[in-house]
Each structure stands twice: as C-alpha cells, then as structure tokens.
N, C-alpha and C. Protein backbone atom coordinates (compact mmCIF):
# COMPACT_ATOMS: atom_id res chain seq x y z
N MET A 1 -13.58 17.62 -9.57
CA MET A 1 -12.38 17.07 -8.94
C MET A 1 -12.38 15.54 -9.02
N ARG A 2 -13.49 14.92 -8.89
CA ARG A 2 -13.59 13.47 -8.92
C ARG A 2 -13.09 12.86 -10.23
N PRO A 3 -13.51 13.37 -11.39
CA PRO A 3 -13.06 12.75 -12.64
C PRO A 3 -11.54 12.75 -12.81
N VAL A 4 -10.87 13.76 -12.28
CA VAL A 4 -9.42 13.82 -12.41
C VAL A 4 -8.78 12.68 -11.62
N ARG A 5 -9.26 12.45 -10.40
CA ARG A 5 -8.71 11.36 -9.58
C ARG A 5 -8.98 10.02 -10.24
N CYS A 6 -10.19 9.83 -10.75
CA CYS A 6 -10.52 8.57 -11.41
C CYS A 6 -9.63 8.36 -12.63
N TRP A 7 -9.42 9.42 -13.40
CA TRP A 7 -8.59 9.30 -14.59
C TRP A 7 -7.15 8.95 -14.20
N HIS A 8 -6.65 9.57 -13.14
CA HIS A 8 -5.30 9.28 -12.68
C HIS A 8 -5.20 7.82 -12.24
N ARG A 9 -6.19 7.35 -11.51
CA ARG A 9 -6.19 5.96 -11.06
C ARG A 9 -6.26 5.01 -12.26
N PHE A 10 -7.06 5.37 -13.26
CA PHE A 10 -7.19 4.56 -14.47
C PHE A 10 -5.85 4.46 -15.19
N GLN A 11 -5.15 5.58 -15.30
CA GLN A 11 -3.84 5.57 -15.95
C GLN A 11 -2.85 4.71 -15.17
N THR A 12 -2.91 4.77 -13.84
CA THR A 12 -2.02 3.97 -13.01
C THR A 12 -2.29 2.49 -13.22
N VAL A 13 -3.56 2.12 -13.27
CA VAL A 13 -3.93 0.72 -13.50
C VAL A 13 -3.45 0.26 -14.87
N LEU A 14 -3.60 1.10 -15.88
CA LEU A 14 -3.13 0.73 -17.21
C LEU A 14 -1.62 0.51 -17.24
N ARG A 15 -0.88 1.37 -16.55
CA ARG A 15 0.58 1.20 -16.51
C ARG A 15 0.94 -0.12 -15.84
N LEU A 16 0.22 -0.48 -14.78
CA LEU A 16 0.50 -1.73 -14.09
C LEU A 16 0.19 -2.93 -14.98
N ILE A 17 -0.92 -2.85 -15.70
CA ILE A 17 -1.30 -3.95 -16.60
C ILE A 17 -0.25 -4.11 -17.70
N GLU A 18 0.26 -3.00 -18.20
CA GLU A 18 1.24 -3.05 -19.29
C GLU A 18 2.66 -3.35 -18.80
N SER A 19 2.86 -3.38 -17.50
CA SER A 19 4.20 -3.62 -16.97
C SER A 19 4.58 -5.10 -17.11
N THR A 20 5.84 -5.36 -16.83
CA THR A 20 6.34 -6.73 -16.95
C THR A 20 5.89 -7.56 -15.75
N PRO A 21 5.84 -8.88 -15.90
CA PRO A 21 5.49 -9.75 -14.77
C PRO A 21 6.44 -9.58 -13.58
N ALA A 22 7.71 -9.37 -13.85
CA ALA A 22 8.67 -9.18 -12.75
C ALA A 22 8.36 -7.92 -11.97
N LEU A 23 8.02 -6.85 -12.66
CA LEU A 23 7.68 -5.60 -11.98
C LEU A 23 6.42 -5.76 -11.15
N ARG A 24 5.41 -6.42 -11.70
CA ARG A 24 4.17 -6.65 -10.96
C ARG A 24 4.45 -7.46 -9.69
N ALA A 25 5.29 -8.47 -9.80
CA ALA A 25 5.62 -9.30 -8.64
C ALA A 25 6.35 -8.48 -7.58
N ARG A 26 7.29 -7.65 -8.01
CA ARG A 26 8.04 -6.81 -7.07
C ARG A 26 7.11 -5.81 -6.37
N LEU A 27 6.18 -5.22 -7.12
CA LEU A 27 5.23 -4.30 -6.52
C LEU A 27 4.34 -5.01 -5.50
N HIS A 28 3.95 -6.24 -5.81
CA HIS A 28 3.12 -7.01 -4.90
C HIS A 28 3.88 -7.28 -3.59
N VAL A 29 5.15 -7.64 -3.70
CA VAL A 29 5.96 -7.91 -2.52
C VAL A 29 6.13 -6.64 -1.70
N LYS A 30 6.42 -5.52 -2.36
CA LYS A 30 6.59 -4.26 -1.64
C LYS A 30 5.31 -3.86 -0.93
N ARG A 31 4.17 -4.06 -1.58
CA ARG A 31 2.89 -3.71 -0.96
C ARG A 31 2.66 -4.56 0.29
N GLU A 32 2.99 -5.84 0.23
CA GLU A 32 2.83 -6.71 1.40
C GLU A 32 3.77 -6.28 2.53
N GLU A 33 5.00 -5.90 2.19
CA GLU A 33 5.95 -5.43 3.21
C GLU A 33 5.43 -4.17 3.89
N ILE A 34 4.88 -3.26 3.12
CA ILE A 34 4.34 -2.02 3.68
C ILE A 34 3.16 -2.33 4.59
N ARG A 35 2.27 -3.22 4.14
CA ARG A 35 1.12 -3.61 4.97
C ARG A 35 1.57 -4.20 6.30
N GLU A 36 2.59 -5.06 6.27
CA GLU A 36 3.10 -5.68 7.49
C GLU A 36 3.69 -4.63 8.43
N ARG A 37 4.44 -3.67 7.88
CA ARG A 37 5.03 -2.61 8.72
C ARG A 37 3.95 -1.74 9.35
N VAL A 38 2.93 -1.40 8.57
CA VAL A 38 1.84 -0.57 9.09
C VAL A 38 1.09 -1.33 10.18
N ALA A 39 0.81 -2.61 9.95
CA ALA A 39 0.10 -3.41 10.95
C ALA A 39 0.92 -3.49 12.24
N ALA A 40 2.22 -3.72 12.12
CA ALA A 40 3.08 -3.79 13.30
C ALA A 40 3.12 -2.46 14.05
N ALA A 41 3.19 -1.37 13.32
CA ALA A 41 3.21 -0.05 13.95
C ALA A 41 1.89 0.23 14.67
N LEU A 42 0.78 -0.15 14.06
CA LEU A 42 -0.51 0.06 14.70
C LEU A 42 -0.66 -0.79 15.96
N LEU A 43 -0.20 -2.03 15.90
CA LEU A 43 -0.25 -2.88 17.09
C LEU A 43 0.63 -2.32 18.19
N ASP A 44 1.83 -1.88 17.83
CA ASP A 44 2.74 -1.31 18.81
C ASP A 44 2.13 -0.08 19.45
N ARG A 45 1.52 0.75 18.63
CA ARG A 45 0.88 1.96 19.15
C ARG A 45 -0.28 1.62 20.07
N ALA A 46 -1.05 0.59 19.71
CA ALA A 46 -2.19 0.19 20.54
C ALA A 46 -1.71 -0.31 21.90
N PHE A 47 -0.67 -1.15 21.92
CA PHE A 47 -0.17 -1.67 23.18
C PHE A 47 0.52 -0.59 24.00
N THR A 48 1.16 0.35 23.35
CA THR A 48 1.80 1.46 24.06
C THR A 48 0.75 2.33 24.75
N ALA A 49 -0.37 2.53 24.08
CA ALA A 49 -1.44 3.34 24.65
C ALA A 49 -2.08 2.64 25.84
N LEU A 50 -2.07 1.30 25.85
CA LEU A 50 -2.69 0.55 26.93
C LEU A 50 -1.77 0.36 28.13
N SER A 51 -0.47 0.42 27.93
CA SER A 51 0.46 0.17 29.03
C SER A 51 0.48 1.35 30.00
N PRO A 52 0.59 1.06 31.30
CA PRO A 52 0.62 2.16 32.28
C PRO A 52 1.92 2.95 32.19
N ALA A 53 1.83 4.21 32.42
CA ALA A 53 2.99 5.10 32.29
C ALA A 53 3.84 5.11 33.53
C-alpha cells in the first residue's frame, strides 16, 4: 500500500513542477488561505470549549 501512495505523491509533485508559475502562485495563495481558516476554526473551537455554558 505504501508504494502506491508514494507514487501518487511523486506524480502530484511532478505535475506541480511542470505547471506554470501563475498556477503555482495561485496554489500557494489557496494553501495559505486554507491554513488561516483552519487555524481560526481551531482557535474558535478551543475558546468555545473553555467558555462556561
């Protein structure tokens, strides 16, 4: 099972390397947006769990 996942990841990396600079930049921005949303959701969840009901 492991080699299949590694091969899939390798193919994904190759596609990214072969992509255009504009596409790479857009993917980078989208990844940062997702990270920010996840971080905000985790913080919100942490503070919600701490607040008295």
